[in-house]
Protein backbone atom coordinates (compact mmCIF):
# COMPACT_ATOMS: atom_id res chain seq x y z
CA MET A 1 -11.78 -35.65 -51.83
CA SER A 2 -12.82 -39.12 -49.77
CA LEU A 3 -15.40 -38.61 -47.08
CA GLU A 4 -13.08 -39.04 -45.17
CA LEU A 5 -11.00 -36.38 -45.77
CA GLY A 6 -14.34 -34.13 -46.51
CA SER A 7 -15.39 -34.72 -42.73
CA LEU A 8 -11.93 -33.81 -41.27
CA PHE A 9 -11.95 -30.66 -43.13
CA LEU A 10 -16.00 -29.72 -41.88
CA GLN A 11 -14.36 -30.98 -38.38
CA THR A 12 -11.28 -28.29 -38.16
CA PHE A 13 -13.28 -25.40 -40.15
CA VAL A 14 -16.37 -25.29 -37.33
CA ILE A 15 -13.79 -25.97 -34.32
CA SER A 16 -11.38 -23.62 -35.86
CA LEU A 17 -14.05 -21.21 -36.69
CA SER A 18 -15.54 -21.66 -32.94
CA GLY A 19 -12.41 -20.46 -31.57
CA ALA A 20 -11.61 -17.44 -34.21
CA VAL A 21 -14.86 -15.79 -33.96
CA ALA A 22 -14.04 -15.14 -30.12
CA PRO A 23 -12.34 -11.97 -28.99
CA GLY A 24 -8.96 -11.95 -28.93
CA PRO A 25 -5.89 -10.09 -30.20
CA LEU A 26 -5.97 -10.91 -33.97
CA MET A 27 -9.58 -9.97 -33.95
CA MET A 28 -9.05 -6.01 -32.42
CA VAL A 29 -5.26 -6.13 -34.59
CA ALA A 30 -7.56 -7.06 -37.82
CA MET A 31 -10.73 -4.31 -36.42
CA THR A 32 -8.02 -1.64 -36.41
CA ARG A 33 -6.38 -2.40 -39.74
CA GLY A 34 -9.82 -3.02 -41.18
CA LEU A 35 -10.28 0.49 -40.29
CA ARG A 36 -7.15 2.20 -41.20
CA HIS A 37 -6.53 0.36 -44.37
CA GLY A 38 -9.97 -1.92 -45.65
CA PRO A 39 -11.45 -5.11 -45.78
CA ALA A 40 -8.26 -6.46 -47.74
CA THR A 41 -6.82 -6.32 -44.56
CA GLY A 42 -7.64 -9.02 -43.22
CA LEU A 43 -6.25 -11.55 -45.46
CA TRP A 44 -2.55 -9.75 -44.87
CA VAL A 45 -3.19 -10.50 -41.06
CA THR A 46 -4.23 -13.84 -41.42
CA LEU A 47 -0.91 -14.44 -43.97
CA GLY A 48 1.16 -13.02 -40.60
CA HIS A 49 -0.96 -15.17 -38.24
CA GLY A 50 -0.74 -18.17 -40.70
CA LEU A 51 3.18 -17.87 -41.33
CA LEU A 52 3.69 -18.63 -37.28
CA GLU A 53 0.65 -21.29 -37.73
CA VAL A 54 2.59 -23.83 -40.02
CA ALA A 55 5.46 -23.83 -38.13
CA LEU A 56 4.14 -24.64 -34.59
CA VAL A 57 1.36 -27.28 -36.76
CA ALA A 58 4.66 -29.00 -37.89
CA ALA A 59 6.01 -28.82 -34.14
CA VAL A 60 3.39 -30.16 -32.63
CA ALA A 61 2.84 -32.45 -35.83
CA PHE A 62 5.92 -34.39 -35.06
CA GLY A 63 5.85 -33.97 -31.17
CA LEU A 64 8.41 -31.52 -30.71
CA ALA A 65 5.92 -28.74 -29.11
CA GLN A 66 5.66 -30.58 -25.46
CA ALA A 67 8.51 -28.58 -24.11
CA LEU A 68 6.03 -25.71 -24.87
CA HIS A 69 4.10 -27.39 -22.61
CA THR A 70 5.37 -26.21 -19.05
CA ARG A 71 4.21 -23.50 -16.68
CA VAL A 72 7.80 -21.49 -17.29
CA TRP A 73 7.13 -21.17 -20.82
CA THR A 74 3.62 -20.63 -20.53
CA ALA A 75 4.47 -17.65 -17.70
CA THR A 76 7.41 -16.18 -20.63
CA ILE A 77 5.00 -15.87 -23.09
CA ALA A 78 2.13 -14.02 -21.31
CA GLY A 79 4.10 -12.09 -19.40
CA ALA A 80 6.02 -11.42 -22.71
CA GLY A 81 2.68 -11.35 -24.33
CA GLY A 82 1.41 -9.05 -21.97
CA VAL A 83 3.98 -6.31 -22.48
CA VAL A 84 3.75 -6.29 -26.47
CA LEU A 85 0.25 -5.58 -26.34
CA LEU A 86 -0.08 -3.22 -23.43
CA ALA A 87 2.35 -1.54 -25.50
CA MET A 88 0.67 -1.91 -29.04
CA GLY A 89 -2.94 -0.78 -27.52
CA LEU A 90 -1.08 2.45 -25.52
CA THR A 91 0.63 3.45 -28.76
CA GLN A 92 -2.18 3.49 -30.96
CA LEU A 93 -4.35 5.02 -28.31
CA ARG A 94 -2.13 8.11 -28.41
CA ALA A 95 -1.68 7.96 -31.92
CA ALA A 96 -5.32 8.28 -32.40
CA TRP A 97 -5.71 11.77 -30.75
CA LEU A 98 -2.08 12.88 -32.54
CA PRO A 99 -2.79 15.47 -35.43
CA HIS A 100 -3.20 13.66 -38.55
CA VAL A 101 -0.08 14.19 -40.03
CA GLU A 102 1.70 12.69 -37.63
CA ALA A 103 0.01 9.75 -36.59
CA GLY A 104 -1.65 9.02 -40.04
CA VAL A 105 -4.56 7.93 -38.14
CA SER A 106 -7.48 10.36 -40.18
CA LEU A 107 -10.01 9.62 -42.07
CA PRO A 108 -8.88 7.70 -45.56
CA ALA A 109 -9.57 9.92 -48.04
CA GLY A 110 -8.59 9.12 -52.16
CA VAL A 111 -5.99 6.57 -53.68
CA GLN A 112 -2.89 4.88 -51.74
CA THR A 113 0.42 5.36 -53.73
CA GLU A 114 1.82 1.50 -54.67
CA GLY A 115 4.58 2.91 -51.84
CA GLN A 116 1.36 3.22 -49.15
CA ALA A 117 -0.36 0.22 -50.08
CA TRP A 118 2.62 -2.20 -49.39
CA ASN A 119 3.63 -0.40 -46.13
CA ALA A 120 0.20 -1.14 -45.25
CA ARG A 121 0.10 -4.56 -45.93
CA ARG A 122 3.93 -4.99 -44.91
CA GLY A 123 2.17 -3.56 -41.55
CA SER A 124 -0.53 -6.04 -41.32
CA VAL A 125 1.34 -8.95 -41.91
CA LEU A 126 3.79 -8.07 -39.24
CA ALA A 127 0.64 -7.20 -37.09
CA GLY A 128 -0.69 -10.68 -37.59
CA VAL A 129 2.67 -12.13 -36.40
CA VAL A 130 2.84 -9.73 -33.28
CA ALA A 131 -0.76 -10.65 -32.09
CA THR A 132 -0.36 -14.52 -32.70
CA ALA A 133 2.98 -15.01 -30.74
CA SER A 134 1.80 -12.13 -28.03
CA ASN A 135 -1.13 -15.03 -27.30
CA PRO A 136 -0.66 -17.74 -24.28
CA TYR A 137 -3.83 -18.77 -25.38
CA TRP A 138 -2.80 -19.63 -28.79
CA TYR A 139 -0.44 -21.89 -27.62
CA VAL A 140 -2.61 -23.61 -25.60
CA TRP A 141 -5.05 -24.05 -27.78
CA TRP A 142 -2.72 -25.84 -30.68
CA LEU A 143 -1.37 -27.98 -27.54
CA THR A 144 -4.56 -29.44 -26.66
CA VAL A 145 -7.63 -29.12 -29.00
CA GLY A 146 -4.85 -28.65 -32.03
CA ALA A 147 -3.22 -31.57 -31.15
CA ALA A 148 -6.17 -33.46 -30.68
CA LEU A 149 -7.35 -32.85 -34.74
CA ILE A 150 -3.22 -33.42 -35.73
CA SER A 151 -3.54 -36.63 -34.76
CA ARG A 152 -6.77 -37.16 -36.35
CA ALA A 153 -5.34 -36.04 -39.77
CA GLN A 154 -2.13 -37.96 -39.34
CA ALA A 155 -4.22 -41.15 -38.43
CA ALA A 156 -6.24 -40.04 -41.60
CA GLY A 157 -3.43 -41.16 -43.52
CA ASN A 158 -0.81 -39.47 -46.90
CA GLY A 159 -2.37 -35.61 -47.64
CA ALA A 160 -4.76 -35.25 -44.55
CA LEU A 161 -2.68 -32.50 -43.10
CA PRO A 162 -2.49 -29.71 -45.55
CA VAL A 163 -6.72 -30.88 -45.79
CA PHE A 164 -6.77 -30.14 -41.95
CA TYR A 165 -5.01 -27.14 -42.23
CA ALA A 166 -6.43 -25.81 -45.41
CA GLY A 167 -9.71 -26.14 -43.09
CA HIS A 168 -8.53 -24.10 -40.04
CA LEU A 169 -6.82 -21.40 -42.51
CA LEU A 170 -10.10 -20.91 -44.05
CA ALA A 171 -11.84 -20.22 -40.78
CA ASP A 172 -9.26 -17.59 -39.45
CA GLY A 173 -8.87 -16.23 -43.22
CA GLY A 174 -12.45 -16.03 -43.67
CA TRP A 175 -13.54 -14.74 -39.90
CA LEU A 176 -10.31 -11.98 -40.25
CA THR A 177 -11.69 -11.02 -43.64
CA LEU A 178 -15.15 -10.37 -43.05
CA VAL A 179 -14.78 -8.51 -39.89
CA ALA A 180 -11.69 -6.05 -41.30
CA GLY A 181 -14.36 -5.75 -44.17
CA LEU A 182 -17.57 -5.31 -42.01
CA ILE A 183 -15.57 -1.99 -39.85
CA ALA A 184 -14.22 -0.94 -43.10
CA ARG A 185 -17.36 -0.36 -44.40
CA GLY A 186 -18.42 2.03 -41.28
CA ARG A 187 -15.66 4.31 -42.38
CA SER A 188 -17.68 5.71 -44.59
CA VAL A 189 -20.29 6.86 -41.95
CA LEU A 190 -18.33 8.26 -39.57
CA SER A 191 -17.00 11.97 -38.61
CA GLU A 192 -13.16 12.34 -37.68
CA ARG A 193 -14.30 12.36 -33.62
CA GLY A 194 -16.24 8.91 -34.18
CA TYR A 195 -13.22 7.59 -36.54
CA ARG A 196 -10.91 8.16 -33.25
CA LEU A 197 -12.99 7.57 -31.02
CA LEU A 198 -13.33 3.73 -32.64
CA LEU A 199 -9.70 3.28 -32.65
CA SER A 200 -9.58 4.76 -29.41
CA ALA A 201 -11.78 1.81 -28.10
CA LEU A 202 -10.31 -1.27 -30.42
CA ALA A 203 -6.88 0.17 -28.40
CA VAL A 204 -8.10 -0.07 -24.86
CA PHE A 205 -9.30 -3.30 -25.89
CA LEU A 206 -5.85 -3.91 -26.63
CA VAL A 207 -4.42 -2.55 -23.70
CA GLY A 208 -7.06 -4.55 -21.80
CA PHE A 209 -5.64 -7.93 -23.00
CA GLY A 210 -1.95 -6.80 -22.33
CA ILE A 211 -2.86 -6.63 -18.17
CA PHE A 212 -4.84 -9.96 -18.49
CA PHE A 213 -1.89 -11.42 -19.95
CA LEU A 214 0.54 -10.07 -17.63
CA GLN A 215 -1.91 -11.26 -14.47
CA ASN A 216 -2.25 -14.70 -16.39
CA GLY A 217 1.74 -14.65 -16.28
CA VAL A 218 2.48 -13.61 -12.74
CA GLN A 219 -0.05 -16.21 -11.44
CA GLN A 220 1.94 -19.09 -14.10
CA ILE A 221 4.97 -18.36 -11.50
CA LEU A 222 3.61 -17.77 -8.16
CA PRO A 223 3.69 -20.66 -5.43
C-alpha cells in the first residue's frame, strides 16, 4: 500500500470511528442483539449496515445521491425512520417482560441449535439494515463528510475507493463488535430481572431515537 493510500485509510478510519462511537440506533441494536445472542452479533449487524452503505457509497461516487439532499427526502426518512425505531423499541420493551417462552429474551443458556444460530444471524443482519436505513443522519453524514472522503479517494486513483471503504467498515465493525462483546460478557453477572431491565433500557433508547426522528421530520416540513 502506497503512502497516499495508507494516509487515506488512516484518515477514513479515524473520522469514521469518531462517528461510529456516537450513540445512535445502530449501536443500540448492536448492544441489544449482543446481549441476547453473543459478541459475534456485532459482525452480523455490521454486515447489514455495510450492505446499504456499499449502495450509498456507489451512489455518492457517481453523483447519483444529490437527489437525496432535499428537505422532502430528509423529512420522509426522518418520519418513516422514527416510526420504525419507535415500533422496534416498543416491541422490544414489551418482549423484555413477557414470559421467556413467548418472548425468547430470557438469559441465554446452553448451546444454540444450528437453526437458532442461523435465525439469530439473519435477524442481526436485518436489524443492521433497518437501523441504518431508518436513521436520517446516516444519509446526511454520507452526503457531507462521507462525500468529501469519497472525493479524496477518487482523486487518489484506481484502487483507492476500496481502501477508503475498508477503513470505514473496519471502524464501524470494530466498534460494534466491541460494544456487542462487552455487553455480552455482562450476561454472566446479570440476574434474570437485571437482564430484562437492561433490555428495557436499550429499548427505551430506541423509543427515544424514534421520537426524536419523528420530531425532526415534522420540523423539516414546517415552514
